Amino acid sequence: MAQRTMADEVSILRFFETGPLEKAEVVFNIVREKMRERLSARSEERGDAPQRASVPKRKVKPKAETTPAAAEPSGTV
């Protein structure tokens, strides 16, 4: 049985590596949602809150400071 499982896992990985991108993306999204459902159900059974990976915050680049000459209107009407 272990050999069969290993062969199935390898064929699944090959599908995601070499299969058509559109199909792989659809299958990935389906699998992701199913796994979220399973994890949610498991956490409800145990009474735990679902675990989420922390997402690192993006670093904000400081805006370029404007010079006083650039801040003034260039012409008057």
Protein backbone atom coordinates (compact mmCIF):
# COMPACT_ATOMS: atom_id res chain seq x y z
CA MET A 1 0.00 0.00 0.00
CA ALA A 2 2.88 2.40 0.74
CA GLN A 3 4.23 2.00 -2.81
CA ARG A 4 0.82 2.83 -4.27
CA THR A 5 0.51 5.94 -2.11
CA MET A 6 3.98 7.10 -3.08
CA ALA A 7 3.22 6.62 -6.78
CA ASP A 8 -0.01 8.61 -6.39
CA GLU A 9 1.81 11.45 -4.65
CA VAL A 10 4.47 11.56 -7.34
CA SER A 11 1.90 11.65 -10.13
CA ILE A 12 0.04 14.47 -8.37
CA LEU A 13 3.23 16.48 -8.01
CA ARG A 14 4.05 15.89 -11.67
CA PHE A 15 0.60 17.15 -12.62
CA PHE A 16 1.21 20.43 -10.78
CA GLU A 17 4.71 20.77 -12.22
CA THR A 18 4.03 19.88 -15.86
CA GLY A 19 0.26 20.03 -16.39
CA PRO A 20 -1.58 22.89 -18.04
CA LEU A 21 -1.37 25.94 -15.78
CA GLU A 22 -5.09 26.71 -15.99
CA LYS A 23 -6.07 23.20 -14.87
CA ALA A 24 -3.43 23.07 -12.15
CA GLU A 25 -4.63 26.40 -10.76
CA VAL A 26 -8.27 25.25 -10.65
CA VAL A 27 -7.36 21.97 -8.96
CA PHE A 28 -5.11 23.79 -6.49
CA ASN A 29 -7.91 26.17 -5.51
CA ILE A 30 -10.30 23.26 -4.96
CA VAL A 31 -7.79 21.38 -2.83
CA ARG A 32 -6.99 24.51 -0.81
CA GLU A 33 -10.68 25.06 0.02
CA LYS A 34 -11.18 21.41 0.96
CA MET A 35 -8.16 21.54 3.27
CA ARG A 36 -9.49 24.71 4.92
CA GLU A 37 -12.79 22.93 5.54
CA ARG A 38 -10.99 19.94 7.05
CA LEU A 39 -8.81 22.10 9.28
CA SER A 40 -11.80 24.15 10.40
CA ALA A 41 -13.82 21.02 11.22
CA ARG A 42 -10.89 19.52 13.12
CA SER A 43 -10.37 22.67 15.16
CA GLU A 44 -14.09 22.84 15.99
CA GLU A 45 -13.98 19.24 17.23
CA ARG A 46 -11.09 20.04 19.54
CA GLY A 47 -12.44 23.46 20.50
CA ASP A 48 -9.39 25.24 19.14
CA ALA A 49 -9.34 28.35 17.04
CA PRO A 50 -8.10 27.66 13.51
CA GLN A 51 -4.39 28.26 13.16
CA ARG A 52 -3.32 30.77 10.55
CA ALA A 53 0.16 31.50 9.44
CA SER A 54 1.24 35.03 10.14
CA VAL A 55 1.80 37.12 7.07
CA PRO A 56 4.78 39.45 7.23
CA LYS A 57 3.87 43.08 6.88
CA ARG A 58 5.12 44.97 3.87
CA LYS A 59 7.70 47.61 4.49
CA VAL A 60 6.49 51.03 3.45
CA LYS A 61 9.01 53.07 1.56
CA PRO A 62 9.18 56.69 2.68
CA LYS A 63 7.83 59.14 0.15
CA ALA A 64 10.28 61.44 -1.53
CA GLU A 65 10.21 64.81 0.18
CA THR A 66 9.22 67.74 -1.98
CA THR A 67 11.39 70.82 -2.07
CA PRO A 68 9.77 74.17 -1.39
CA ALA A 69 10.34 75.24 -5.00
CA ALA A 70 8.54 72.17 -6.32
CA ALA A 71 5.63 72.65 -3.92
CA GLU A 72 4.79 76.16 -5.19
CA PRO A 73 2.54 76.62 -8.22
CA SER A 74 4.55 77.27 -11.36
CA GLY A 75 2.37 80.02 -12.77
CA THR A 76 -0.43 82.37 -11.84
CA VAL A 77 -3.37 83.26 -13.99
